[in-house]
Structures are given as C-alpha cells and as structure tokens.
C-alpha atoms as a PDB file:
ATOM      1  CA  UNK A   1       9.371 -27.093   9.782  1.00  0.00           C
ATOM      2  CA  UNK A   2       6.318 -26.190  11.832  1.00  0.00           C
ATOM      3  CA  UNK A   3       2.791 -25.980  10.548  1.00  0.00           C
ATOM      4  CA  UNK A   4       2.665 -22.384  11.808  1.00  0.00           C
ATOM      5  CA  UNK A   5       5.468 -21.435   9.395  1.00  0.00           C
ATOM      6  CA  UNK A   6       3.460 -22.934   6.536  1.00  0.00           C
ATOM      7  CA  UNK A   7       0.459 -20.859   7.605  1.00  0.00           C
ATOM      8  CA  UNK A   8       2.617 -17.718   7.607  1.00  0.00           C
ATOM      9  CA  UNK A   9       3.977 -18.694   4.171  1.00  0.00           C
ATOM     10  CA  UNK A  10       0.436 -19.050   2.801  1.00  0.00           C
ATOM     11  CA  UNK A  11      -0.548 -15.660   4.248  1.00  0.00           C
ATOM     12  CA  UNK A  12       2.548 -13.982   2.802  1.00  0.00           C
ATOM     13  CA  UNK A  13       1.846 -15.594  -0.575  1.00  0.00           C
ATOM     14  CA  UNK A  14      -1.782 -14.401  -0.491  1.00  0.00           C
ATOM     15  CA  UNK A  15      -0.769 -10.844   0.426  1.00  0.00           C
ATOM     16  CA  UNK A  16       1.933 -10.660  -2.263  1.00  0.00           C
ATOM     17  CA  UNK A  17      -0.484 -12.025  -4.887  1.00  0.00           C
ATOM     18  CA  UNK A  18      -3.195  -9.531  -3.869  1.00  0.00           C
ATOM     19  CA  UNK A  19      -0.853  -6.526  -3.780  1.00  0.00           C
ATOM     20  CA  UNK A  20       0.788  -7.490  -7.075  1.00  0.00           C
ATOM     21  CA  UNK A  21      -2.614  -7.894  -8.720  1.00  0.00           C
ATOM     22  CA  UNK A  22      -3.633  -4.479  -7.372  1.00  0.00           C
ATOM     23  CA  UNK A  23      -0.455  -2.870  -8.762  1.00  0.00           C
ATOM     24  CA  UNK A  24      -0.990  -4.481 -12.163  1.00  0.00           C
ATOM     25  CA  UNK A  25      -4.609  -3.340 -12.405  1.00  0.00           C
ATOM     26  CA  UNK A  26      -6.228  -0.766 -10.107  1.00  0.00           C
ATOM     27  CA  UNK A  27      -3.044   1.167  -9.257  1.00  0.00           C
ATOM     28  CA  UNK A  28      -2.956   2.425 -12.828  1.00  0.00           C
ATOM     29  CA  UNK A  29      -6.161   4.438 -12.384  1.00  0.00           C
ATOM     30  CA  UNK A  30      -6.871   7.521 -10.272  1.00  0.00           C
ATOM     31  CA  UNK A  31      -9.898   5.793  -8.735  1.00  0.00           C
ATOM     32  CA  UNK A  32      -7.809   2.755  -7.858  1.00  0.00           C
ATOM     33  CA  UNK A  33      -5.117   4.835  -6.202  1.00  0.00           C
ATOM     34  CA  UNK A  34      -7.762   6.722  -4.214  1.00  0.00           C
ATOM     35  CA  UNK A  35      -8.692   3.460  -2.451  1.00  0.00           C
ATOM     36  CA  UNK A  36      -5.318   1.742  -2.271  1.00  0.00           C
ATOM     37  CA  UNK A  37      -4.514  -0.911   0.326  1.00  0.00           C
ATOM     38  CA  UNK A  38      -2.834   0.493   3.442  1.00  0.00           C
ATOM     39  CA  UNK A  39       0.339  -1.500   2.728  1.00  0.00           C
ATOM     40  CA  UNK A  40       0.709   0.183  -0.669  1.00  0.00           C
ATOM     41  CA  UNK A  41      -0.013   3.589   0.875  1.00  0.00           C
ATOM     42  CA  UNK A  42       2.748   3.050   3.464  1.00  0.00           C
ATOM     43  CA  UNK A  43       5.234   1.898   0.818  1.00  0.00           C
ATOM     44  CA  UNK A  44       4.277   4.827  -1.438  1.00  0.00           C
ATOM     45  CA  UNK A  45       4.798   7.269   1.439  1.00  0.00           C
ATOM     46  CA  UNK A  46       8.243   5.867   2.243  1.00  0.00           C
ATOM     47  CA  UNK A  47       9.077   5.889  -1.473  1.00  0.00           C
ATOM     48  CA  UNK A  48       8.067   9.550  -1.745  1.00  0.00           C
ATOM     49  CA  UNK A  49      10.806  10.429   0.750  1.00  0.00           C
ATOM     50  CA  UNK A  50      13.248   8.225  -1.172  1.00  0.00           C
ATOM     51  CA  UNK A  51      12.187   9.955  -4.409  1.00  0.00           C
ATOM     52  CA  UNK A  52      12.733  13.428  -2.975  1.00  0.00           C
ATOM     53  CA  UNK A  53      16.063  12.338  -1.471  1.00  0.00           C
ATOM     54  CA  UNK A  54      17.113  11.193  -4.924  1.00  0.00           C
ATOM     55  CA  UNK A  55      16.778  14.761  -6.218  1.00  0.00           C
ATOM     56  CA  UNK A  56      19.144  15.904  -3.483  1.00  0.00           C
ATOM     57  CA  UNK A  57      21.565  13.007  -3.988  1.00  0.00           C
ATOM     58  CA  UNK A  58      21.771  13.335  -7.781  1.00  0.00           C
ATOM     59  CA  UNK A  59      21.364  17.125  -7.846  1.00  0.00           C
ATOM     60  CA  UNK A  60      25.073  17.841  -8.257  1.00  0.00           C
ATOM     61  CA  UNK A  61      25.147  15.992 -11.601  1.00  0.00           C
ATOM     62  CA  UNK A  62      23.252  18.615 -13.582  1.00  0.00           C
ATOM     63  CA  UNK A  63      19.648  19.618 -14.151  1.00  0.00           C
ATOM     64  CA  UNK A  64      18.611  16.607 -16.262  1.00  0.00           C
ATOM     65  CA  UNK A  65      19.992  14.099 -13.751  1.00  0.00           C
ATOM     66  CA  UNK A  66      18.453  16.157 -10.946  1.00  0.00           C
ATOM     67  CA  UNK A  67      14.982  15.649 -12.432  1.00  0.00           C
ATOM     68  CA  UNK A  68      15.680  11.969 -13.140  1.00  0.00           C
ATOM     69  CA  UNK A  69      17.250  11.490  -9.710  1.00  0.00           C
ATOM     70  CA  UNK A  70      14.020  11.002  -7.785  1.00  0.00           C
ATOM     71  CA  UNK A  71      12.771   8.166  -9.963  1.00  0.00           C
ATOM     72  CA  UNK A  72      16.279   6.804 -10.323  1.00  0.00           C
ATOM     73  CA  UNK A  73      16.673   6.567  -6.544  1.00  0.00           C
ATOM     74  CA  UNK A  74      13.288   4.808  -6.338  1.00  0.00           C
ATOM     75  CA  UNK A  75      14.731   2.059  -8.524  1.00  0.00           C
ATOM     76  CA  UNK A  76      18.368   2.038  -7.385  1.00  0.00           C
ATOM     77  CA  UNK A  77      17.638   1.702  -3.655  1.00  0.00           C
ATOM     78  CA  UNK A  78      15.378  -1.391  -3.941  1.00  0.00           C
ATOM     79  CA  UNK A  79      17.794  -2.906  -6.492  1.00  0.00           C
ATOM     80  CA  UNK A  80      20.657  -2.429  -4.019  1.00  0.00           C
ATOM     81  CA  UNK A  81      18.509  -3.916  -1.251  1.00  0.00           C
ATOM     82  CA  UNK A  82      17.828  -6.899  -3.519  1.00  0.00           C
ATOM     83  CA  UNK A  83      21.535  -7.403  -4.112  1.00  0.00           C
ATOM     84  CA  UNK A  84      22.577  -6.904  -0.473  1.00  0.00           C
ATOM     85  CA  UNK A  85      19.834  -8.989   1.131  1.00  0.00           C
ATOM     86  CA  UNK A  86      20.155 -11.773  -1.436  1.00  0.00           C
ATOM     87  CA  UNK A  87      23.467 -12.619   0.215  1.00  0.00           C
ATOM     88  CA  UNK A  88      21.551 -13.485   3.414  1.00  0.00           C
ATOM     89  CA  UNK A  89      19.250 -15.944   1.677  1.00  0.00           C
ATOM     90  CA  UNK A  90      16.812 -16.470  -1.146  1.00  0.00           C
ATOM     91  CA  UNK A  91      13.746 -15.788   1.003  1.00  0.00           C
ATOM     92  CA  UNK A  92      14.587 -12.089   0.866  1.00  0.00           C
ATOM     93  CA  UNK A  93      13.559 -12.184  -2.800  1.00  0.00           C
ATOM     94  CA  UNK A  94       9.921 -11.979  -1.707  1.00  0.00           C
ATOM     95  CA  UNK A  95      10.254  -8.552  -0.115  1.00  0.00           C
ATOM     96  CA  UNK A  96      13.010  -7.068  -2.256  1.00  0.00           C
ATOM     97  CA  UNK A  97      11.615  -8.119  -5.642  1.00  0.00           C
ATOM     98  CA  UNK A  98       8.190  -6.888  -4.598  1.00  0.00           C
ATOM     99  CA  UNK A  99       9.579  -3.534  -3.403  1.00  0.00           C
ATOM    100  CA  UNK A 100      11.521  -3.097  -6.643  1.00  0.00           C
ATOM    101  CA  UNK A 101       8.441  -3.969  -8.711  1.00  0.00           C
ATOM    102  CA  UNK A 102       6.203  -1.650  -6.687  1.00  0.00           C
ATOM    103  CA  UNK A 103       8.626   1.218  -7.249  1.00  0.00           C
ATOM    104  CA  UNK A 104       8.859   0.531 -10.962  1.00  0.00           C
ATOM    105  CA  UNK A 105       5.067   0.495 -11.279  1.00  0.00           C
ATOM    106  CA  UNK A 106       4.921   3.733  -9.248  1.00  0.00           C
ATOM    107  CA  UNK A 107       7.513   5.373 -11.493  1.00  0.00           C
ATOM    108  CA  UNK A 108       5.669   4.137 -14.597  1.00  0.00           C
ATOM    109  CA  UNK A 109       2.538   5.979 -13.459  1.00  0.00           C
ATOM    110  CA  UNK A 110       4.592   9.163 -12.995  1.00  0.00           C
ATOM    111  CA  UNK A 111       6.252   8.780 -16.408  1.00  0.00           C
ATOM    112  CA  UNK A 112       2.907   8.144 -18.128  1.00  0.00           C
ATOM    113  CA  UNK A 113       1.461  11.272 -16.533  1.00  0.00           C
ATOM    114  CA  UNK A 114       4.119  13.515 -18.116  1.00  0.00           C
ATOM    115  CA  UNK A 115       1.966  14.815 -21.008  1.00  0.00           C
ATOM    116  CA  UNK A 116      -1.073  15.382 -18.783  1.00  0.00           C
ATOM    117  CA  UNK A 117       0.348  16.519 -15.411  1.00  0.00           C
ATOM    118  CA  UNK A 118      -2.713  15.259 -13.517  1.00  0.00           C
ATOM    119  CA  UNK A 119      -0.932  13.621 -10.593  1.00  0.00           C
ATOM    120  CA  UNK A 120      -0.863  15.632  -7.380  1.00  0.00           C
ATOM    121  CA  UNK A 121       2.667  16.768  -6.575  1.00  0.00           C
ATOM    122  CA  UNK A 122       4.115  17.632  -3.170  1.00  0.00           C
ATOM    123  CA  UNK A 123       3.332  21.320  -3.691  1.00  0.00           C
ATOM    124  CA  UNK A 124       1.571  23.500  -6.213  1.00  0.00           C
ATOM    125  CA  UNK A 125       4.942  25.044  -7.121  1.00  0.00           C
ATOM    126  CA  UNK A 126       6.605  21.682  -7.830  1.00  0.00           C
ATOM    127  CA  UNK A 127       7.693  20.836 -11.361  1.00  0.00           C
ATOM    128  CA  UNK A 128       6.550  17.506 -12.818  1.00  0.00           C
ATOM    129  CA  UNK A 129       9.876  15.693 -13.247  1.00  0.00           C
ATOM    130  CA  UNK A 130       8.962  13.607 -16.261  1.00  0.00           C
ATOM    131  CA  UNK A 131       7.136  16.431 -18.012  1.00  0.00           C
ATOM    132  CA  UNK A 132      10.292  18.499 -17.658  1.00  0.00           C
ATOM    133  CA  UNK A 133      12.514  15.602 -18.841  1.00  0.00           C
ATOM    134  CA  UNK A 134      10.477  14.789 -21.952  1.00  0.00           C
ATOM    135  CA  UNK A 135      10.014  18.502 -22.743  1.00  0.00           C
ATOM    136  CA  UNK A 136      13.746  19.084 -22.307  1.00  0.00           C
ATOM    137  CA  UNK A 137      14.682  16.284 -24.696  1.00  0.00           C
ATOM    138  CA  UNK A 138      11.844  17.280 -27.046  1.00  0.00           C
ATOM    139  CA  UNK A 139      10.213  13.888 -27.090  1.00  0.00           C
ATOM    140  CA  UNK A 140       6.957  13.986 -25.107  1.00  0.00           C
ATOM    141  CA  UNK A 141       5.421  11.286 -27.322  1.00  0.00           C
ATOM    142  CA  UNK A 142       7.836   8.784 -25.747  1.00  0.00           C
ATOM    143  CA  UNK A 143       6.218   9.146 -22.307  1.00  0.00           C
ATOM    144  CA  UNK A 144       3.642   6.409 -22.828  1.00  0.00           C
ATOM    145  CA  UNK A 145       5.978   3.816 -24.436  1.00  0.00           C
ATOM    146  CA  UNK A 146       8.631   4.391 -21.744  1.00  0.00           C
ATOM    147  CA  UNK A 147       5.937   4.167 -19.078  1.00  0.00           C
ATOM    148  CA  UNK A 148       4.687   0.887 -20.550  1.00  0.00           C
ATOM    149  CA  UNK A 149       8.161  -0.686 -20.537  1.00  0.00           C
ATOM    150  CA  UNK A 150       8.831   0.388 -16.938  1.00  0.00           C
ATOM    151  CA  UNK A 151       5.382  -0.917 -15.945  1.00  0.00           C
ATOM    152  CA  UNK A 152       5.995  -4.337 -17.511  1.00  0.00           C
ATOM    153  CA  UNK A 153       9.388  -4.656 -15.813  1.00  0.00           C
ATOM    154  CA  UNK A 154       7.737  -3.710 -12.512  1.00  0.00           C
ATOM    155  CA  UNK A 155       4.976  -6.290 -12.902  1.00  0.00           C
ATOM    156  CA  UNK A 156       7.534  -8.956 -13.851  1.00  0.00           C
ATOM    157  CA  UNK A 157       9.483  -8.105 -10.685  1.00  0.00           C
ATOM    158  CA  UNK A 158       6.289  -8.455  -8.601  1.00  0.00           C
ATOM    159  CA  UNK A 159       5.613 -11.785 -10.325  1.00  0.00           C
ATOM    160  CA  UNK A 160       9.113 -12.859  -9.295  1.00  0.00           C
ATOM    161  CA  UNK A 161       8.171 -12.095  -5.686  1.00  0.00           C
ATOM    162  CA  UNK A 162       5.001 -14.167  -6.081  1.00  0.00           C
ATOM    163  CA  UNK A 163       6.991 -17.066  -7.548  1.00  0.00           C
ATOM    164  CA  UNK A 164       9.516 -16.856  -4.688  1.00  0.00           C
ATOM    165  CA  UNK A 165       6.713 -16.821  -2.101  1.00  0.00           C
ATOM    166  CA  UNK A 166       5.039 -19.788  -3.801  1.00  0.00           C
ATOM    167  CA  UNK A 167       8.302 -21.707  -3.989  1.00  0.00           C
ATOM    168  CA  UNK A 168       9.038 -21.303  -0.289  1.00  0.00           C
ATOM    169  CA  UNK A 169       5.449 -22.152   0.614  1.00  0.00           C
ATOM    170  CA  UNK A 170       5.751 -25.437  -1.289  1.00  0.00           C
ATOM    171  CA  UNK A 171       9.162 -26.217   0.251  1.00  0.00           C
ATOM    172  CA  UNK A 172       7.922 -25.519   3.789  1.00  0.00           C
ATOM    173  CA  UNK A 173       4.695 -27.461   3.188  1.00  0.00           C
ATOM    174  CA  UNK A 174       6.661 -30.498   2.043  1.00  0.00           C
ATOM    175  CA  UNK A 175       8.890 -30.332   5.119  1.00  0.00           C
ATOM    176  CA  UNK A 176       5.978 -29.864   7.538  1.00  0.00           C
ATOM    177  CA  UNK A 177       3.472 -32.339   6.141  1.00  0.00           C
ATOM    178  CA  UNK A 178       5.161 -34.827   3.835  1.00  0.00           C
ATOM    179  CA  UNK A 179       8.491 -35.524   5.550  1.00  0.00           C
ATOM    180  CA  UNK A 180       7.280 -36.262   9.073  1.00  0.00           C
END
C-alpha cells in the first residue's frame, strides 16, 4: 500500500468527519444551511431531483404515498446503492452510508418544518409534503418526534461512514508504514 493512498484515506476521513459534524449541528438551522459546504449543496441539489422524481414514481399509489414518495425515494435510493455497492467491497460503505445519512438528515429537516412551513419550496404554489401528510392523518404534533428519530438514524448512518473511513485509514496505514 502506498503512502499516497494513506494520505488520500486521511483526507477522505477528515472530509467525512467535517461534513458529518456539519449535518449533525449547523445543517439543522436556517443560518447554517445558508452557508453550507459546497459538497453538501451539490448533494442536496442532486437529492432534490431524486425527491421530485419520487413523487412521480410513487404517484400512482394514491395521494398519501404521492406526498411521501419524495422523501421515501430520498431514503430508498441511497439504501439500494448501499446494498448494491456493498457487493463490490466494504470501502463503498464510506460513500453510501454517508449519502444515506445525509438524506435522512435532510428529510428530518423537512419533516420538522411541517408545522411551520418555513422552508423554501421549489415554487410558491408547491404544497409542503409533510405538512400535508401530518394534516391528512390529523397528527401534526408528531412532526417533531418523527423528525428527531429520522435525524438520529441519519447521524448514526453518517457515523458509520466515519467509522468505515477510519477503519480503512488504519488498515492502509498499517500496510504502508508498519509492514514494510
């Protein structure tokens, strides 16, 4: 194992730690999201298209599933990527677990906003999915507890990515420096 690979491992570990910390803290606030790291902005933009595609994909299953479909697709697609790419090796856990966690944290923000409807939507005529869902089931007070559970699962997933990155950094370091 080359020393360059170890350097890349350390950089990947540092980036995943930083982005996970950001998601667990500043991403939860409007001010934090206004100054998000470019990597998060890119992922959020891609995930917005995935979210909107989920409405189309799940739209034939009824109105409730239509509104849930965007957030559902944001979780299902990274979970499928995790499962598919895991077959090619454990190192894929870094990216796929992080992507899954990032989406869960993103969805948790959207769920938590249901009673307030403060988040900017794609148009002024758009309906807030989670506001509609909780209003439809008559249980708006569940928005914050559901949001909290989804958030914790998302942060745990990001922590799994950090652990995977740390594990492979240690393995590669041992090969490069201690087994020469």
